[in-house]
Structures are given as C-alpha cells and as structure tokens.
Amino acid sequence: MRPPVSRRQFLQGAGALGAAAVVGACTGSDKSAGPTTAAPKGPAADGTLVVITLYGGNDALNTVVPVNDARYRSLRGSLALDPATTHDIGEDFALHPSLARCKELWDRDQLAVVHGVGFGTLDRSHFHCMDVWQAGSEDDTSTGWIGRWLDAVATGPLDAVAVGRGLPLIARGVHRAASVVPPGPFVLPGDDALRDLLATVSGKDSGRSDLGDLAARSTADLLTVAATVAPLVAASPESETLAARLDTVATLIEADLPARAYLVDLGGFDTHSAQAADHARLLGELDGALGAFLDRTATKPVTVLVYSEFGRRVEPNASAGTDHGQAGTVLLAGKVRSGHHGEPPPLDRLADGDLATTVDLRAVYAAVLEGVLGIEAADVLERPPAALTLV
C-alpha cells in the first residue's frame, strides 16, 4: 500500500500542477502521456519558426539606420550614429555598430529587414501595444496568433515551446497553448511519492468531472514534456540570457522535437534615458545570440522573427533617450528572402513626430504563417492583408 501523501507533498503537487496548467491546460487533448506527432506541414512550408520578442519598444531608427539622410543626423542630434561605425546594407541604410553578426547574415542572404511595421490604433502603452502584436489583432487580444495556429493544427504538447518563466499571450489559443520550458535544467519538484501522485493524477478516469479531466490532461502533458525535454537540457546552465534561451531552442531543434514554433524574449528596450550605451549593449546581446543560434541550426530550415511592441520617437528627449513612438522594424533571419521589404517611413513626413506606419504587422505574420508554418493566414488572422514575400 502506498503511504499517505503528506501536506508538504500535497502542496508540492499543487505547485507542480500549477506548472502543468501553464504547460498544457489549454491543449484540449484526450491523450495521456506518451509519444507525440508533429503538427501537419504544408507542401512547400516545412520550416521551424523562432520568434524573439524585444520587450520595451526597440529604437528602430538606430537599429536600421538611414545613414545617408541628412534629416536623420539633424533630427537625431546626439543620438545620431556615425556612419563610419555602422554596417552598410544598401539602399542608403546601415545596421547599428553592435549588429556585426547580422551584417554577416546580410552578406550571406540570410537577413530580411521590414521597414515601418505597426498598426493603426497605437496608443504608446506597452501593455496594449504588446497585446496587439502578440494577438495579431487590434480588435480581440484574448488569444495569440501562435496560439490560434496551435488551435488549428496542434496534435500534442510539444508542437510549440516557449523557453522562459511564463506563457506569453502570443502562445495562448482557445483550446491549445505552447508548452513552457524553463531556461536551464528541467526538473520536476518533489520526491518519488509526489511523482507517483502526478502519474496517478494524469491517468484516465471516466468518473472525473470536467475540471478534473482538464487537470489530468494538463498533468499528462507536463509529464510528456518533462520526460522528453529534461534529458536533452540536463547539462544546460541556469541562465536568463537570450543566448542561453536560444541555446535551449537549438538543442531541442537538433533533437528533432515535433515543435514547429519556439518563443523567446529579451527585455530592457524602454530606453527613456542614456540610450546610446544601453541600446548598444542590448543589440549586441541580440546579435551574438542570434548569430550563434543560426550557426548551430545552419542545416535546418529555421526562420527567426524579431519584433518589438513599437518604435521610438525620432527626436531624443532631454535625458539623452527616446520616448515611445510608432512604427518599428522587423528583422527576419535564417531561411528568408533577404533584402529590404516594405516602405521605409520618410523622415520628411513624420506622424506626430514618429516614423509613420507603412506596413501592417499582419502582413509579416501572414508571410511566416504561409511560408514557414504552411497554413493559410486567414485561418489564423482576421482579414489579413496580402502576405509579404519574406520566406
């Protein structure tokens, strides 16, 4: 007879079940723990999508720089970059000095730049704008666009993976959600008795209530994810850096997990003061992590999408920083149609002091939904514009 579970074990179990709710409460699956199969692939789109969210509002104008436009130097003042230190990418644009690896990707036709990306009802709120970007909708931000893709095609808990400490809106659907894998080793809490309890909870039982059945399916998904991922990342150091998160993603891709989408993030881009040094450091972290990741996954059909919730105002503020603006720049790397895309916002026709939005963010999402994930954009996005040719 199994010994009774102590109060401490029960509380540990509740914590683990909380993790299970994050990992798989929205899966809608009726399968117990066991092997998963890959999500369906389109006939010409069998790639892997990696989404990097830059939280805080990245300064697009100093990321991809119109170096030969005299208005840039005049409007930017002390924050204007010296053209001699930047990396030329043609059409009178250059990359920030910290983006040396991205320049290498550009030279290898592995980098696409989409200018002027945003949406119409931007209100400069981090929370609202990020919700719109992650939902792919200005009207309904209750689910994310990757989550709705999962609703349409997912077959198991490992069809999409968020590497981090929580489940972002982008990964939540109505019935499905991405699994969350923490950076570093993936270890379930508790002792053997607790793990036995989790296994019992995850088993099938026709007498359960709907809520109990949901908890069972979620726990089964957690155990599936842990059993699959834990051996692969056992030697990974605990780290919150973007490089460490992308290293975990590369490990999972190399292991041929069924996941078609991975989600990671890097924060700190709300550069209201002393921007120059902070922005250089953040872009350097992005550049090094992205370059190393694409080195590891060079033989795989991987496309990386990098975005932020908005850009920054064109003129600096009194604190040598920039305030919340409108249009941003989206970068795509890896398996892409390299080059400049969209219409660069003109510096002589600003929108209330900001770069004007010239590309609907849904045109970017439509491109990767159709070109990487192999699904019609209209199956995920409401009334999407024509997809850009990015992949």
Protein backbone atom coordinates (compact mmCIF):
# COMPACT_ATOMS: atom_id res chain seq x y z
CA MET A 1 0.00 0.00 0.00
CA ARG A 2 1.30 3.45 -0.91
CA PRO A 3 1.97 5.59 2.19
CA PRO A 4 -0.33 8.61 2.62
CA VAL A 5 0.77 11.82 0.97
CA SER A 6 1.87 14.45 3.48
CA ARG A 7 0.63 18.03 3.49
CA ARG A 8 4.03 19.15 2.24
CA GLN A 9 3.89 16.67 -0.63
CA PHE A 10 0.37 17.78 -1.45
CA LEU A 11 1.48 21.42 -1.63
CA GLN A 12 4.43 20.44 -3.82
CA GLY A 13 1.99 18.59 -6.03
CA ALA A 14 -0.23 21.64 -6.23
CA GLY A 15 2.79 23.64 -7.37
CA ALA A 16 3.62 21.06 -9.99
CA LEU A 17 0.02 21.04 -11.17
CA GLY A 18 0.25 24.82 -11.45
CA ALA A 19 3.20 24.29 -13.74
CA ALA A 20 1.15 21.74 -15.62
CA ALA A 21 -1.58 24.31 -16.12
CA VAL A 22 0.99 26.59 -17.73
CA VAL A 23 2.43 23.78 -19.81
CA GLY A 24 -0.72 22.23 -21.13
CA ALA A 25 -4.03 23.27 -19.62
CA CYS A 26 -5.26 24.53 -22.96
CA THR A 27 -4.25 21.52 -25.00
CA GLY A 28 -7.72 20.08 -25.34
CA SER A 29 -6.07 16.69 -25.84
CA ASP A 30 -7.65 13.44 -24.68
CA LYS A 31 -4.37 11.58 -24.85
CA SER A 32 -2.37 10.51 -21.83
CA ALA A 33 1.37 10.96 -21.62
CA GLY A 34 3.15 9.33 -24.49
CA PRO A 35 4.77 9.99 -27.87
CA THR A 36 3.57 13.00 -29.82
CA THR A 37 3.46 13.53 -33.55
CA ALA A 38 4.47 16.59 -35.49
CA ALA A 39 1.93 19.20 -36.49
CA PRO A 40 0.83 18.96 -40.12
CA LYS A 41 3.13 20.64 -42.59
CA GLY A 42 2.25 22.49 -45.74
CA PRO A 43 3.54 21.04 -49.00
CA ALA A 44 6.10 23.80 -49.50
CA ALA A 45 6.40 25.12 -45.97
CA ASP A 46 8.03 22.72 -43.55
CA GLY A 47 10.18 25.12 -41.60
CA THR A 48 10.63 25.96 -37.95
CA LEU A 49 9.71 29.43 -36.71
CA VAL A 50 11.57 31.07 -33.82
CA VAL A 51 10.02 34.30 -32.51
CA ILE A 52 12.15 36.72 -30.48
CA THR A 53 10.20 39.41 -28.62
CA LEU A 54 12.13 42.56 -27.68
CA TYR A 55 10.18 43.94 -24.73
CA GLY A 56 10.17 47.69 -24.11
CA GLY A 57 9.99 49.22 -27.58
CA ASN A 58 13.16 48.88 -29.65
CA ASP A 59 14.50 52.02 -31.31
CA ALA A 60 14.04 51.08 -34.97
CA LEU A 61 15.69 54.23 -36.27
CA ASN A 62 19.02 53.37 -34.64
CA THR A 63 18.74 49.66 -35.42
CA VAL A 64 18.44 50.01 -39.19
CA VAL A 65 19.78 53.48 -39.83
CA PRO A 66 19.13 55.81 -42.81
CA VAL A 67 22.73 56.93 -42.61
CA ASN A 68 22.81 58.98 -45.80
CA ASP A 69 19.72 61.05 -44.97
CA ALA A 70 20.82 64.44 -43.64
CA ARG A 71 17.49 64.72 -41.84
CA TYR A 72 18.46 61.70 -39.71
CA ARG A 73 21.53 63.44 -38.38
CA SER A 74 19.64 66.69 -37.86
CA LEU A 75 16.64 65.15 -36.09
CA ARG A 76 18.59 62.64 -34.00
CA GLY A 77 21.16 65.08 -32.70
CA SER A 78 23.45 63.50 -30.10
CA LEU A 79 21.92 60.05 -30.69
CA ALA A 80 22.77 60.06 -34.41
CA LEU A 81 25.18 57.26 -35.20
CA ASP A 82 28.46 57.91 -37.00
CA PRO A 83 28.06 56.36 -40.47
CA ALA A 84 31.68 55.22 -40.37
CA THR A 85 30.90 52.86 -37.48
CA THR A 86 27.79 51.28 -38.98
CA HIS A 87 27.41 48.28 -41.32
CA ASP A 88 26.24 49.14 -44.82
CA ILE A 89 23.30 47.09 -46.14
CA GLY A 90 22.50 49.10 -49.23
CA GLU A 91 19.68 51.44 -50.28
CA ASP A 92 21.16 54.13 -48.01
CA PHE A 93 20.65 52.03 -44.87
CA ALA A 94 23.10 50.56 -42.38
CA LEU A 95 22.94 48.38 -39.30
CA HIS A 96 23.81 49.60 -35.81
CA PRO A 97 27.52 49.08 -34.98
CA SER A 98 26.60 46.31 -32.50
CA LEU A 99 24.98 44.20 -35.24
CA ALA A 100 28.16 42.78 -36.78
CA ARG A 101 26.83 39.20 -36.92
CA CYS A 102 23.65 40.46 -38.56
CA LYS A 103 25.83 42.12 -41.19
CA GLU A 104 27.39 38.71 -41.85
CA LEU A 105 23.89 37.24 -42.22
CA TRP A 106 23.03 40.04 -44.65
CA ASP A 107 26.11 39.28 -46.73
CA ARG A 108 25.05 35.60 -46.83
CA ASP A 109 21.50 36.49 -47.93
CA GLN A 110 20.11 35.37 -44.58
CA LEU A 111 18.67 38.63 -43.27
CA ALA A 112 15.48 40.45 -44.23
CA VAL A 113 14.58 43.93 -43.00
CA VAL A 114 10.92 45.00 -42.93
CA HIS A 115 10.54 48.76 -42.55
CA GLY A 116 7.70 50.73 -40.99
CA VAL A 117 5.80 47.89 -39.31
CA GLY A 118 2.98 48.63 -36.90
CA PHE A 119 -0.77 49.02 -36.58
CA GLY A 120 -3.36 51.79 -36.76
CA THR A 121 -4.56 52.31 -33.17
CA LEU A 122 -1.23 52.58 -31.41
CA ASP A 123 -1.62 54.37 -28.08
CA ARG A 124 2.02 54.14 -26.85
CA SER A 125 1.06 51.80 -24.00
CA HIS A 126 3.50 48.91 -23.56
CA PHE A 127 0.70 46.62 -22.43
CA HIS A 128 -1.86 47.40 -25.12
CA CYS A 129 0.66 47.52 -27.95
CA MET A 130 2.33 44.27 -26.96
CA ASP A 131 -1.08 42.63 -26.66
CA VAL A 132 -1.92 43.73 -30.20
CA TRP A 133 1.39 42.46 -31.57
CA GLN A 134 1.08 39.13 -29.79
CA ALA A 135 -2.59 38.71 -30.67
CA GLY A 136 -2.11 39.79 -34.26
CA SER A 137 -5.33 41.75 -33.87
CA GLU A 138 -6.42 45.23 -32.80
CA ASP A 139 -9.95 44.07 -32.04
CA ASP A 140 -9.52 40.90 -29.96
CA THR A 141 -6.49 40.36 -27.75
CA SER A 142 -7.82 37.35 -25.86
CA THR A 143 -5.64 34.88 -27.77
CA GLY A 144 -2.29 34.94 -29.54
CA TRP A 145 -1.61 34.27 -33.20
CA ILE A 146 0.68 31.30 -32.47
CA GLY A 147 -1.96 30.02 -30.04
CA ARG A 148 -4.62 30.16 -32.77
CA TRP A 149 -2.25 28.36 -35.12
CA LEU A 150 -1.99 25.66 -32.45
CA ASP A 151 -5.80 25.55 -32.22
CA ALA A 152 -5.87 24.79 -35.93
CA VAL A 153 -3.10 22.20 -36.28
CA ALA A 154 -1.59 21.01 -32.99
CA THR A 155 -1.63 17.34 -32.04
CA GLY A 156 0.38 17.30 -28.81
CA PRO A 157 2.01 19.42 -26.11
CA LEU A 158 5.31 19.80 -27.97
CA ASP A 159 4.08 21.45 -31.15
CA ALA A 160 5.18 24.86 -29.83
CA VAL A 161 7.57 25.67 -26.99
CA ALA A 162 8.15 28.90 -25.06
CA VAL A 163 11.55 28.95 -23.34
CA GLY A 164 11.20 31.15 -20.27
CA ARG A 165 9.33 31.55 -16.99
CA GLY A 166 5.78 32.05 -18.20
CA LEU A 167 3.33 31.61 -21.04
CA PRO A 168 3.11 34.76 -23.19
CA LEU A 169 -0.14 35.81 -24.84
CA ILE A 170 1.25 35.02 -28.27
CA ALA A 171 1.29 31.30 -27.34
CA ARG A 172 -2.26 31.02 -25.94
CA GLY A 173 -5.12 29.78 -28.07
CA VAL A 174 -8.72 28.99 -27.23
CA HIS A 175 -8.12 25.24 -26.90
CA ARG A 176 -4.34 24.90 -27.12
CA ALA A 177 -1.22 26.56 -25.77
CA ALA A 178 2.51 26.21 -26.14
CA SER A 179 4.46 24.29 -23.55
CA VAL A 180 6.75 26.28 -21.27
CA VAL A 181 10.29 25.02 -20.79
CA PRO A 182 12.35 26.92 -18.18
CA PRO A 183 15.86 28.02 -19.05
CA GLY A 184 18.41 25.56 -17.71
CA PRO A 185 17.70 22.04 -16.41
CA PHE A 186 14.03 20.95 -16.40
CA VAL A 187 13.40 19.17 -13.08
CA LEU A 188 10.01 18.38 -11.60
CA PRO A 189 9.73 19.21 -7.91
CA GLY A 190 9.32 16.68 -5.13
CA ASP A 191 10.29 13.08 -4.44
CA ASP A 192 9.25 9.71 -5.82
CA ALA A 193 5.95 9.76 -3.93
CA LEU A 194 5.00 13.07 -5.49
CA ARG A 195 5.95 11.90 -8.96
CA ASP A 196 3.85 8.79 -8.43
CA LEU A 197 0.99 11.06 -7.42
CA LEU A 198 1.37 13.11 -10.59
CA ALA A 199 1.34 9.94 -12.65
CA THR A 200 -1.85 8.87 -10.90
CA VAL A 201 -3.48 12.25 -11.45
CA SER A 202 -2.60 12.10 -15.17
CA GLY A 203 -4.23 8.71 -15.71
CA LYS A 204 -7.61 8.22 -17.36
CA ASP A 205 -10.67 8.05 -15.14
CA SER A 206 -14.16 8.14 -16.63
CA GLY A 207 -15.61 9.27 -13.31
CA ARG A 208 -13.81 12.61 -13.22
CA SER A 209 -15.52 15.96 -13.51
CA ASP A 210 -14.68 18.20 -16.49
CA LEU A 211 -12.29 20.19 -14.30
CA GLY A 212 -10.65 17.00 -13.03
CA ASP A 213 -10.30 15.75 -16.59
CA LEU A 214 -8.67 19.02 -17.59
CA ALA A 215 -6.21 18.74 -14.70
CA ALA A 216 -5.43 15.16 -15.71
CA ARG A 217 -4.75 16.10 -19.33
CA SER A 218 -2.62 19.04 -18.25
CA THR A 219 -0.59 16.86 -15.90
CA ALA A 220 -0.15 14.25 -18.62
CA ASP A 221 1.16 16.96 -20.94
CA LEU A 222 3.56 18.17 -18.24
CA LEU A 223 4.92 14.66 -17.75
CA THR A 224 5.29 14.21 -21.52
CA VAL A 225 7.19 17.48 -21.87
CA ALA A 226 9.39 16.74 -18.85
CA ALA A 227 10.20 13.21 -20.00
CA THR A 228 11.12 14.43 -23.46
CA VAL A 229 12.92 17.67 -22.69
CA ALA A 230 14.64 17.03 -19.34
CA PRO A 231 17.29 14.61 -20.70
CA LEU A 232 18.12 17.00 -23.52
CA VAL A 233 18.75 20.03 -21.29
CA ALA A 234 20.15 18.27 -18.21
CA ALA A 235 23.60 19.77 -18.71
CA SER A 236 22.36 23.28 -19.53
CA PRO A 237 23.40 26.00 -17.07
CA GLU A 238 20.66 28.06 -15.46
CA SER A 239 20.72 31.40 -17.22
CA GLU A 240 18.19 34.06 -18.16
CA THR A 241 20.20 35.41 -21.10
CA LEU A 242 18.88 35.34 -24.64
CA ALA A 243 21.91 33.29 -25.66
CA ALA A 244 21.01 30.60 -23.11
CA ARG A 245 17.37 30.52 -24.21
CA LEU A 246 18.31 30.22 -27.87
CA ASP A 247 20.85 27.57 -26.93
CA THR A 248 17.99 25.56 -25.42
CA VAL A 249 15.94 26.09 -28.58
CA ALA A 250 18.86 24.90 -30.73
CA THR A 251 19.21 21.78 -28.56
CA LEU A 252 15.52 20.95 -28.98
CA ILE A 253 15.64 21.55 -32.73
CA GLU A 254 18.71 19.34 -33.06
CA ALA A 255 16.81 16.62 -31.19
CA ASP A 256 14.07 16.74 -33.87
CA LEU A 257 11.23 17.57 -31.49
CA PRO A 258 7.87 17.94 -33.25
CA ALA A 259 7.79 21.65 -32.36
CA ARG A 260 7.33 23.96 -35.33
CA ALA A 261 7.40 27.19 -33.30
CA TYR A 262 9.64 28.39 -30.47
CA LEU A 263 9.26 31.59 -28.45
CA VAL A 264 11.92 33.52 -26.52
CA ASP A 265 12.35 37.12 -25.40
CA LEU A 266 14.79 39.82 -24.39
CA GLY A 267 13.77 42.79 -22.26
CA GLY A 268 15.17 46.21 -21.46
CA PHE A 269 14.41 48.21 -24.61
CA ASP A 270 12.46 51.00 -22.88
CA THR A 271 15.35 53.43 -23.33
CA HIS A 272 13.98 56.72 -21.99
CA SER A 273 17.38 57.89 -20.71
CA ALA A 274 21.05 57.41 -21.56
CA GLN A 275 20.00 55.32 -24.52
CA ALA A 276 23.22 55.05 -26.51
CA ALA A 277 25.13 52.68 -24.24
CA ASP A 278 22.13 50.58 -23.22
CA HIS A 279 20.88 50.18 -26.76
CA ALA A 280 24.33 49.18 -27.98
CA ARG A 281 24.57 46.55 -25.24
CA LEU A 282 21.10 45.13 -25.91
CA LEU A 283 21.61 44.95 -29.66
CA GLY A 284 24.98 43.32 -29.03
CA GLU A 285 23.29 40.65 -26.91
CA LEU A 286 20.69 40.06 -29.62
CA ASP A 287 23.34 39.98 -32.34
CA GLY A 288 25.64 37.50 -30.62
CA ALA A 289 22.83 35.18 -29.54
CA LEU A 290 21.18 35.21 -32.97
CA GLY A 291 24.44 34.58 -34.79
CA ALA A 292 25.41 31.67 -32.55
CA PHE A 293 21.95 30.15 -32.82
CA LEU A 294 21.92 30.26 -36.62
CA ASP A 295 25.42 28.76 -36.67
CA ARG A 296 24.09 25.76 -34.73
CA THR A 297 20.96 25.35 -36.82
CA ALA A 298 22.53 26.07 -40.21
CA THR A 299 21.42 22.74 -41.70
CA LYS A 300 17.80 23.18 -40.59
CA PRO A 301 15.02 25.22 -42.30
CA VAL A 302 14.81 27.77 -39.47
CA THR A 303 13.35 31.26 -39.75
CA VAL A 304 13.78 33.74 -36.89
CA LEU A 305 11.39 36.69 -36.50
CA VAL A 306 12.47 39.60 -34.27
CA TYR A 307 9.96 42.30 -33.30
CA SER A 308 9.11 44.82 -30.57
CA GLU A 309 5.84 46.43 -29.49
CA PHE A 310 6.61 49.83 -31.06
CA GLY A 311 9.46 52.07 -32.13
CA ARG A 312 10.71 55.27 -30.51
CA ARG A 313 10.15 58.94 -31.27
CA VAL A 314 12.51 60.39 -33.84
CA GLU A 315 13.89 63.26 -31.74
CA PRO A 316 15.69 62.49 -28.47
CA ASN A 317 14.26 63.67 -25.17
CA ALA A 318 16.03 65.80 -22.56
CA SER A 319 17.51 62.70 -20.90
CA ALA A 320 19.52 61.54 -23.93
CA GLY A 321 16.93 58.85 -24.58
CA THR A 322 13.85 58.39 -26.72
CA ASP A 323 10.18 58.10 -25.83
CA HIS A 324 7.52 55.74 -27.17
CA GLY A 325 6.93 56.06 -30.90
CA GLN A 326 5.02 54.37 -33.68
CA ALA A 327 6.46 52.23 -36.47
CA GLY A 328 9.17 49.69 -35.81
CA THR A 329 11.49 47.50 -37.82
CA VAL A 330 11.06 43.74 -38.00
CA LEU A 331 14.08 41.54 -38.71
CA LEU A 332 13.88 38.02 -40.12
CA ALA A 333 16.92 35.80 -40.27
CA GLY A 334 17.90 32.34 -41.44
CA LYS A 335 15.72 30.88 -44.17
CA VAL A 336 14.36 34.14 -45.60
CA ARG A 337 14.14 36.20 -48.77
CA SER A 338 16.89 38.62 -47.88
CA GLY A 339 16.79 42.32 -48.57
CA HIS A 340 14.71 45.38 -47.76
CA HIS A 341 10.94 44.94 -47.58
CA GLY A 342 8.08 47.34 -47.06
CA GLU A 343 8.20 51.10 -47.50
CA PRO A 344 10.73 52.92 -45.31
CA PRO A 345 8.92 55.72 -43.44
CA PRO A 346 10.14 59.07 -44.82
CA LEU A 347 11.82 61.41 -42.37
CA ASP A 348 10.24 64.44 -44.05
CA ARG A 349 6.72 63.15 -43.41
CA LEU A 350 6.62 62.13 -39.76
CA ALA A 351 3.43 61.07 -37.99
CA ASP A 352 3.22 63.33 -34.94
CA GLY A 353 6.97 63.20 -34.55
CA ASP A 354 7.19 59.46 -35.16
CA LEU A 355 8.11 57.17 -38.01
CA ALA A 356 4.85 56.51 -39.85
CA THR A 357 3.44 53.00 -40.08
CA THR A 358 3.68 51.81 -43.68
CA VAL A 359 3.31 48.02 -43.20
CA ASP A 360 0.51 46.24 -41.33
CA LEU A 361 2.08 43.82 -38.84
CA ARG A 362 -0.34 41.12 -40.05
CA ALA A 363 1.36 41.16 -43.47
CA VAL A 364 4.53 39.98 -41.71
CA TYR A 365 2.69 37.30 -39.74
CA ALA A 366 0.90 36.15 -42.88
CA ALA A 367 4.29 35.68 -44.53
CA VAL A 368 5.61 33.31 -41.87
CA LEU A 369 2.30 31.51 -41.34
CA GLU A 370 2.16 30.65 -45.03
CA GLY A 371 5.87 30.46 -45.83
CA VAL A 372 7.18 28.71 -42.70
CA LEU A 373 4.27 27.02 -40.91
CA GLY A 374 2.31 26.10 -44.02
CA ILE A 375 -1.15 27.37 -43.12
CA GLU A 376 -3.39 29.93 -44.80
CA ALA A 377 -3.06 33.24 -42.98
CA ALA A 378 -6.85 33.65 -42.96
CA ASP A 379 -7.12 30.52 -40.81
CA VAL A 380 -5.28 32.37 -38.03
CA LEU A 381 -5.65 36.10 -38.67
CA GLU A 382 -8.86 38.05 -39.19
CA ARG A 383 -8.98 39.74 -42.60
CA PRO A 384 -5.22 39.63 -43.14
CA PRO A 385 -3.61 41.82 -45.79
CA ALA A 386 -1.60 40.18 -48.54
CA ALA A 387 1.45 38.41 -47.16
CA LEU A 388 4.82 39.99 -47.80
CA THR A 389 7.28 37.81 -49.68
CA LEU A 390 9.67 37.22 -46.79
CA VAL A 391 10.34 33.46 -46.95
